[in-house]
């Protein structure tokens, strides 16, 4: 399975092309749009969410409500493009929205150096987290496929700034959390941290957890370094623009423990087969899923656009100044959790299709069911 996206933050639209989805998967635009709507939520979002009402248009790969095996093309219109036509249209020549004072922490400066551009607008428009709307749309299709395979995905916020939840929720608890700030407890303190940052012209980061249930053991491989599933899923999750670290299981605690307390003892029951009473590993051992719930924590930096900007240097004049400000969120931790769900779904689908085949849903479901029987009879 392959995913490509295209489009700029204030361009006409974002586009996603998802290749390798089996034929025969039932899906419609409303399922995709429900995930896009979740991405727009979150305490601490900025003014753009009042403009955009993201809807996915299916351009190819789905006919009569079913995938047909060919590449799926999706388009999400940028409503704010109406205010940017003179600056962002392909033939636009109007000036006035250039950015020459790069923002520390953003792709502005390394991007203009890499591509030899005199305007960081050429960089930031694509480096913007707005691009993730296309990936959430594509991830909804992956999520729909996983549903057919008995896999469910959820997420939660663990911390915002110095406000942390004192307990990690169960999968079922995560599904019931407030979508505006899905923390099991201390959400009030987190809201205060976000509001305090907004008043100061600051931004605030945090951490999220994404989890999946119902995964078969045996996805991924230890045989080659680049087939280890924790490495591959880590790459998907680290592609979230503000992500700076990914941890599987409870390594934040268990790395301080002796091995006898950090690993998950194995048990066997004739009805359940092999199972664990703990899940310190987060569902992955040796680069392979072990059948337990998969849990990954993503660490998110504060967003780099500040209303009280940091010192910078003009890329044209080389004179010192303050980094230019762009419209931004105060906190994007909540939408990052939704994005993480989409990317985890894409990564897990990739692993499933690699192991079980991807031409048709009938073939895929038959192969998965046969493998489940094999594992149960082992």
Protein backbone atom coordinates (compact mmCIF):
# COMPACT_ATOMS: atom_id res chain seq x y z
CA UNK A 1 0.00 0.00 0.00
CA UNK A 2 1.30 3.45 -0.91
CA UNK A 3 0.15 6.94 0.03
CA UNK A 4 0.97 10.23 -1.66
CA UNK A 5 -0.44 13.62 -0.78
CA UNK A 6 -0.21 16.98 -2.53
CA UNK A 7 -1.33 20.52 -1.91
CA UNK A 8 -0.44 23.69 -0.04
CA UNK A 9 -2.02 25.08 3.11
CA UNK A 10 -3.67 28.00 1.30
CA UNK A 11 -3.78 26.42 -2.16
CA UNK A 12 -6.98 25.31 -3.92
CA UNK A 13 -7.13 21.85 -2.35
CA UNK A 14 -5.32 18.96 -0.72
CA UNK A 15 -5.15 15.66 -2.58
CA UNK A 16 -4.42 12.12 -1.42
CA UNK A 17 -3.76 9.07 -3.58
CA UNK A 18 -3.97 5.72 -1.79
CA UNK A 19 -2.88 2.70 -3.79
CA UNK A 20 -3.20 -0.98 -2.88
CA UNK A 21 -6.58 -1.02 -1.11
CA UNK A 22 -8.31 -4.36 -1.84
CA UNK A 23 -11.36 -4.42 -4.08
CA UNK A 24 -14.70 -4.96 -2.38
CA UNK A 25 -14.33 -2.71 0.69
CA UNK A 26 -17.58 -0.86 1.38
CA UNK A 27 -17.01 2.84 2.08
CA UNK A 28 -18.61 6.19 1.45
CA UNK A 29 -17.61 9.81 1.89
CA UNK A 30 -19.58 10.24 5.12
CA UNK A 31 -17.24 7.85 6.94
CA UNK A 32 -14.21 9.82 5.75
CA UNK A 33 -15.83 13.15 6.60
CA UNK A 34 -16.59 12.02 10.15
CA UNK A 35 -12.84 11.59 10.73
CA UNK A 36 -12.09 14.97 9.14
CA UNK A 37 -14.63 16.55 11.49
CA UNK A 38 -12.83 15.00 14.48
CA UNK A 39 -9.56 16.51 13.26
CA UNK A 40 -11.06 20.01 13.39
CA UNK A 41 -11.90 19.72 17.10
CA UNK A 42 -9.77 20.49 20.10
CA UNK A 43 -9.45 23.10 22.83
CA UNK A 44 -6.73 25.52 21.73
CA UNK A 45 -7.41 25.51 17.99
CA UNK A 46 -7.03 28.73 16.00
CA UNK A 47 -9.25 30.85 13.78
CA UNK A 48 -8.85 28.74 10.64
CA UNK A 49 -11.14 26.04 12.03
CA UNK A 50 -13.95 28.62 11.79
CA UNK A 51 -13.33 28.82 8.05
CA UNK A 52 -12.69 25.23 7.01
CA UNK A 53 -15.42 22.59 7.02
CA UNK A 54 -13.42 19.77 5.53
CA UNK A 55 -15.24 17.39 3.21
CA UNK A 56 -13.58 14.69 1.13
CA UNK A 57 -14.50 14.32 -2.53
CA UNK A 58 -13.87 10.83 -3.93
CA UNK A 59 -12.38 11.16 -7.40
CA UNK A 60 -11.44 7.57 -8.23
CA UNK A 61 -11.06 4.02 -6.98
CA UNK A 62 -14.57 3.67 -5.50
CA UNK A 63 -17.66 2.74 -7.50
CA UNK A 64 -21.11 1.97 -6.20
CA UNK A 65 -19.91 2.39 -2.62
CA UNK A 66 -17.11 -0.20 -2.98
CA UNK A 67 -13.41 -0.02 -3.69
CA UNK A 68 -12.53 -1.52 -7.08
CA UNK A 69 -8.81 -2.20 -6.61
CA UNK A 70 -7.51 0.83 -8.46
CA UNK A 71 -5.83 3.84 -6.78
CA UNK A 72 -8.19 5.91 -4.65
CA UNK A 73 -7.94 9.67 -5.17
CA UNK A 74 -9.42 12.06 -2.61
CA UNK A 75 -9.68 15.85 -2.66
CA UNK A 76 -10.28 18.18 0.28
CA UNK A 77 -11.06 21.75 -0.79
CA UNK A 78 -9.38 24.61 1.09
CA UNK A 79 -12.17 27.14 1.63
CA UNK A 80 -9.62 29.75 2.71
CA UNK A 81 -8.17 29.69 -0.82
CA UNK A 82 -10.76 32.32 -1.77
CA UNK A 83 -8.81 34.78 0.41
CA UNK A 84 -5.45 33.74 -1.05
CA UNK A 85 -6.07 33.38 -4.79
CA UNK A 86 -3.91 36.34 -5.75
CA UNK A 87 -1.00 34.89 -3.79
CA UNK A 88 -1.34 31.11 -4.15
CA UNK A 89 -2.96 30.36 -7.53
CA UNK A 90 -0.64 28.64 -10.01
CA UNK A 91 -0.49 31.75 -12.20
CA UNK A 92 -0.56 34.30 -9.38
CA UNK A 93 1.88 37.22 -9.58
CA UNK A 94 0.60 39.40 -6.72
CA UNK A 95 3.04 40.01 -3.89
CA UNK A 96 2.46 40.87 -0.27
CA UNK A 97 2.39 37.58 1.62
CA UNK A 98 6.10 36.79 1.41
CA UNK A 99 7.84 35.42 4.48
CA UNK A 100 11.53 36.27 4.77
CA UNK A 101 12.02 36.14 8.54
CA UNK A 102 11.94 32.38 9.22
CA UNK A 103 10.38 30.96 12.37
CA UNK A 104 12.68 28.98 14.70
CA UNK A 105 11.41 25.42 15.02
CA UNK A 106 9.68 25.41 11.62
CA UNK A 107 10.90 24.16 8.23
CA UNK A 108 11.23 27.77 6.97
CA UNK A 109 15.00 28.24 7.03
CA UNK A 110 16.21 24.71 6.21
CA UNK A 111 13.56 24.57 3.47
CA UNK A 112 14.66 27.74 1.68
CA UNK A 113 18.29 26.63 1.90
CA UNK A 114 17.45 23.19 0.52
CA UNK A 115 15.30 24.38 -2.41
CA UNK A 116 17.07 27.71 -3.04
CA UNK A 117 13.97 29.87 -2.56
CA UNK A 118 13.85 33.55 -1.70
CA UNK A 119 10.45 33.34 -0.01
CA UNK A 120 9.76 30.92 2.86
CA UNK A 121 6.09 30.97 1.81
CA UNK A 122 7.15 28.34 -0.76
CA UNK A 123 8.21 26.13 2.15
CA UNK A 124 5.71 26.76 4.91
CA UNK A 125 2.67 26.24 2.68
CA UNK A 126 3.61 22.59 2.22
CA UNK A 127 5.32 22.03 5.58
CA UNK A 128 2.16 23.22 7.35
CA UNK A 129 0.20 20.69 9.40
CA UNK A 130 -2.76 21.54 7.16
CA UNK A 131 -1.41 18.73 4.92
CA UNK A 132 -2.49 16.19 7.53
CA UNK A 133 -6.13 16.66 6.49
CA UNK A 134 -5.27 14.66 3.36
CA UNK A 135 -3.68 11.92 5.46
CA UNK A 136 -6.64 11.77 7.84
CA UNK A 137 -8.91 11.32 4.81
CA UNK A 138 -6.75 8.47 3.51
CA UNK A 139 -6.43 7.04 7.01
CA UNK A 140 -10.21 6.80 7.24
CA UNK A 141 -10.17 4.27 4.42
CA UNK A 142 -7.47 2.28 6.22
CA UNK A 143 -9.55 2.48 9.40
CA UNK A 144 -12.59 1.15 7.54
CA UNK A 145 -10.54 -1.79 6.25
CA UNK A 146 -9.29 -2.57 9.74
CA UNK A 147 -12.87 -2.62 11.01
CA UNK A 148 -13.54 -5.50 8.62
CA UNK A 149 -10.55 -7.30 10.14
CA UNK A 150 -11.80 -6.82 13.70
CA UNK A 151 -9.30 -4.09 14.61
CA UNK A 152 -10.39 -0.98 16.54
CA UNK A 153 -8.38 2.20 17.15
CA UNK A 154 -8.66 4.86 19.85
CA UNK A 155 -6.54 7.68 21.30
CA UNK A 156 -6.29 10.04 24.24
CA UNK A 157 -4.31 13.01 25.50
CA UNK A 158 -1.83 12.19 28.25
CA UNK A 159 -0.49 15.68 28.91
CA UNK A 160 -0.64 19.32 27.89
CA UNK A 161 2.33 21.38 29.01
CA UNK A 162 2.89 20.53 32.68
CA UNK A 163 -0.69 19.24 33.15
CA UNK A 164 -0.69 15.44 33.03
CA UNK A 165 -3.36 12.82 33.46
CA UNK A 166 -2.61 10.79 36.57
CA UNK A 167 -3.92 7.64 34.93
CA UNK A 168 -3.76 6.17 31.44
CA UNK A 169 -7.26 5.25 30.26
CA UNK A 170 -8.32 1.80 29.15
CA UNK A 171 -9.31 1.38 25.52
CA UNK A 172 -12.99 1.55 26.44
CA UNK A 173 -12.48 4.65 28.56
CA UNK A 174 -10.59 6.36 25.71
CA UNK A 175 -13.61 5.92 23.43
CA UNK A 176 -15.82 7.86 25.87
CA UNK A 177 -13.57 10.88 26.52
CA UNK A 178 -14.54 14.46 25.65
CA UNK A 179 -13.44 15.02 22.02
CA UNK A 180 -12.55 18.66 22.80
CA UNK A 181 -9.87 17.53 25.29
CA UNK A 182 -9.80 13.74 25.71
CA UNK A 183 -7.92 13.42 29.01
CA UNK A 184 -9.03 10.93 31.66
CA UNK A 185 -8.40 13.46 34.44
CA UNK A 186 -6.78 16.88 34.97
CA UNK A 187 -8.46 18.17 31.79
CA UNK A 188 -9.43 21.34 33.65
CA UNK A 189 -5.80 22.00 34.52
CA UNK A 190 -4.83 21.39 30.88
CA UNK A 191 -7.43 23.89 29.68
CA UNK A 192 -5.99 26.48 32.04
CA UNK A 193 -2.49 25.81 30.69
CA UNK A 194 -3.71 26.34 27.12
CA UNK A 195 -5.59 29.51 28.01
CA UNK A 196 -2.59 30.91 29.89
CA UNK A 197 -0.36 30.23 26.89
CA UNK A 198 -2.85 31.92 24.55
CA UNK A 199 -2.93 35.06 26.68
CA UNK A 200 0.88 35.25 26.66
CA UNK A 201 1.14 34.71 22.89
CA UNK A 202 2.77 31.34 23.54
CA UNK A 203 2.05 27.80 22.37
CA UNK A 204 2.06 24.58 24.35
CA UNK A 205 2.83 20.95 23.45
CA UNK A 206 2.10 17.68 25.20
CA UNK A 207 1.78 13.96 24.67
CA UNK A 208 -0.85 11.59 23.30
CA UNK A 209 -1.43 7.86 23.25
CA UNK A 210 -2.83 5.90 20.31
CA UNK A 211 -3.95 2.31 20.75
CA UNK A 212 -5.34 -0.58 18.70
CA UNK A 213 -7.21 -3.73 19.74
CA UNK A 214 -7.88 -6.97 17.87
CA UNK A 215 -4.55 -7.23 16.02
CA UNK A 216 -3.34 -10.71 15.13
CA UNK A 217 0.09 -11.77 16.38
CA UNK A 218 2.76 -11.99 13.70
CA UNK A 219 2.58 -8.67 11.84
CA UNK A 220 6.05 -7.32 11.04
CA UNK A 221 9.29 -9.28 11.22
CA UNK A 222 12.58 -9.58 13.06
CA UNK A 223 14.30 -10.94 9.91
CA UNK A 224 15.44 -7.54 8.57
CA UNK A 225 15.86 -4.21 10.32
CA UNK A 226 13.52 -2.37 7.96
CA UNK A 227 10.68 -4.87 8.45
CA UNK A 228 10.44 -4.43 12.22
CA UNK A 229 6.94 -3.12 12.79
CA UNK A 230 7.81 -0.83 15.69
CA UNK A 231 10.31 0.95 13.42
CA UNK A 232 7.76 1.24 10.63
CA UNK A 233 4.92 2.43 12.83
CA UNK A 234 7.34 4.81 14.51
CA UNK A 235 8.08 6.38 11.13
CA UNK A 236 4.37 6.88 10.43
CA UNK A 237 3.80 8.53 13.81
CA UNK A 238 6.95 10.64 13.70
CA UNK A 239 5.67 12.15 10.44
CA UNK A 240 3.16 14.18 12.46
CA UNK A 241 4.64 17.69 12.06
CA UNK A 242 5.00 18.42 15.80
CA UNK A 243 6.07 14.88 16.83
CA UNK A 244 9.52 14.60 18.40
CA UNK A 245 9.41 11.11 19.89
CA UNK A 246 7.47 7.83 19.81
CA UNK A 247 7.44 5.24 22.61
CA UNK A 248 5.79 1.83 22.58
CA UNK A 249 4.30 0.32 25.72
CA UNK A 250 5.17 1.84 29.10
CA UNK A 251 8.88 2.35 28.43
CA UNK A 252 8.79 5.70 30.26
CA UNK A 253 8.40 3.67 33.45
CA UNK A 254 9.78 0.23 32.60
CA UNK A 255 13.21 1.41 31.42
CA UNK A 256 13.98 2.13 35.10
CA UNK A 257 13.01 -1.39 36.22
CA UNK A 258 14.79 -4.72 36.36
CA UNK A 259 13.99 -7.06 33.50
CA UNK A 260 11.87 -9.37 35.63
CA UNK A 261 9.48 -6.49 36.31
CA UNK A 262 9.62 -4.85 32.87
CA UNK A 263 8.62 -7.80 30.65
CA UNK A 264 5.30 -9.60 30.23
CA UNK A 265 5.15 -13.18 31.51
CA UNK A 266 3.54 -15.68 29.12
CA UNK A 267 0.57 -17.87 30.10
CA UNK A 268 -1.52 -20.44 28.27
CA UNK A 269 -5.16 -21.46 28.48
CA UNK A 270 -6.92 -23.94 26.24
CA UNK A 271 -9.66 -21.40 25.52
CA UNK A 272 -7.54 -18.26 25.18
CA UNK A 273 -4.33 -19.75 23.87
CA UNK A 274 -1.17 -17.81 24.73
CA UNK A 275 -1.80 -14.60 26.65
CA UNK A 276 -0.26 -12.05 29.04
CA UNK A 277 -1.47 -10.59 32.31
CA UNK A 278 0.47 -7.38 31.66
CA UNK A 279 1.32 -5.38 28.55
CA UNK A 280 4.52 -3.48 29.28
CA UNK A 281 5.67 -4.10 25.69
CA UNK A 282 2.64 -2.35 24.20
CA UNK A 283 1.78 -5.22 21.87
CA UNK A 284 5.16 -5.47 20.11
CA UNK A 285 8.06 -7.83 20.76
CA UNK A 286 11.07 -8.27 18.49
CA UNK A 287 9.50 -6.05 15.83
CA UNK A 288 6.38 -8.25 15.67
CA UNK A 289 2.86 -7.88 17.06
CA UNK A 290 2.22 -10.35 19.89
CA UNK A 291 -1.60 -10.19 19.90
CA UNK A 292 -1.91 -7.84 22.86
CA UNK A 293 -3.27 -4.30 22.62
CA UNK A 294 -0.89 -2.04 20.72
CA UNK A 295 -0.05 1.19 22.57
CA UNK A 296 2.17 4.03 21.38
CA UNK A 297 2.90 7.37 23.04
CA UNK A 298 3.77 10.37 20.85
CA UNK A 299 5.62 13.37 22.30
CA UNK A 300 4.64 16.69 20.71
CA UNK A 301 6.60 19.94 20.76
CA UNK A 302 4.92 23.35 21.13
CA UNK A 303 3.99 24.84 17.76
CA UNK A 304 6.71 27.14 16.37
CA UNK A 305 4.53 30.09 15.31
CA UNK A 306 4.40 32.55 18.23
CA UNK A 307 2.52 35.82 18.60
CA UNK A 308 5.51 36.97 20.65
CA UNK A 309 8.11 35.78 18.12
CA UNK A 310 11.72 34.77 18.68
CA UNK A 311 14.72 36.52 17.09
CA UNK A 312 15.44 35.62 13.48
CA UNK A 313 17.41 36.85 10.46
CA UNK A 314 15.96 38.04 7.14
CA UNK A 315 16.94 35.54 4.44
CA UNK A 316 17.32 38.30 1.82
CA UNK A 317 18.87 41.24 3.69
CA UNK A 318 20.60 39.15 6.41
CA UNK A 319 19.46 41.77 8.93
CA UNK A 320 18.26 40.64 12.37
CA UNK A 321 14.59 40.88 13.22
CA UNK A 322 11.73 39.00 14.81
CA UNK A 323 10.30 35.90 13.14
CA UNK A 324 7.17 36.62 11.15
CA UNK A 325 3.89 35.45 12.64
CA UNK A 326 1.38 33.26 10.82
CA UNK A 327 -2.10 32.28 11.92
CA UNK A 328 -1.70 29.32 14.25
CA UNK A 329 -3.19 27.23 17.05
CA UNK A 330 -2.22 27.69 20.68
CA UNK A 331 -2.29 23.92 21.16
CA UNK A 332 -2.67 21.18 18.52
CA UNK A 333 -2.35 18.18 20.82
CA UNK A 334 -5.98 17.07 20.35
CA UNK A 335 -5.95 17.01 16.52
CA UNK A 336 -2.56 15.29 16.69
CA UNK A 337 -4.29 12.39 18.44
CA UNK A 338 -6.77 12.07 15.57
CA UNK A 339 -3.93 12.28 13.06
CA UNK A 340 -2.05 9.59 14.99
CA UNK A 341 -5.09 7.30 14.75
CA UNK A 342 -5.15 7.75 10.96
CA UNK A 343 -1.43 7.08 10.60
CA UNK A 344 -1.54 4.04 12.87
CA UNK A 345 -4.41 2.70 10.74
CA UNK A 346 -2.37 3.21 7.57
CA UNK A 347 0.69 1.53 9.08
CA UNK A 348 -1.30 -1.46 10.35
CA UNK A 349 -3.08 -1.85 7.01
CA UNK A 350 0.26 -1.88 5.26
CA UNK A 351 1.40 -4.72 7.55
CA UNK A 352 -1.84 -6.70 7.14
CA UNK A 353 -1.84 -6.44 3.34
CA UNK A 354 1.83 -7.39 3.20
CA UNK A 355 1.15 -10.58 5.14
CA UNK A 356 -2.26 -11.61 3.83
CA UNK A 357 -2.65 -10.23 0.29
CA UNK A 358 -4.37 -7.16 -1.07
CA UNK A 359 -6.24 -7.92 -4.31
CA UNK A 360 -9.74 -8.42 -2.89
CA UNK A 361 -11.50 -8.30 0.45
CA UNK A 362 -12.65 -11.90 -0.03
CA UNK A 363 -9.06 -13.09 -0.37
CA UNK A 364 -7.87 -10.95 2.53
CA UNK A 365 -10.62 -12.04 4.94
CA UNK A 366 -10.19 -15.71 3.97
CA UNK A 367 -6.44 -15.55 4.57
CA UNK A 368 -6.78 -13.73 7.90
CA UNK A 369 -9.39 -16.20 9.12
CA UNK A 370 -7.19 -19.16 8.12
CA UNK A 371 -4.26 -17.63 9.98
CA UNK A 372 -6.38 -17.03 13.09
CA UNK A 373 -7.31 -20.73 13.07
CA UNK A 374 -3.65 -21.66 12.67
CA UNK A 375 -2.67 -19.56 15.67
CA UNK A 376 -5.57 -20.90 17.76
CA UNK A 377 -4.62 -24.51 16.97
CA UNK A 378 -0.89 -24.05 17.62
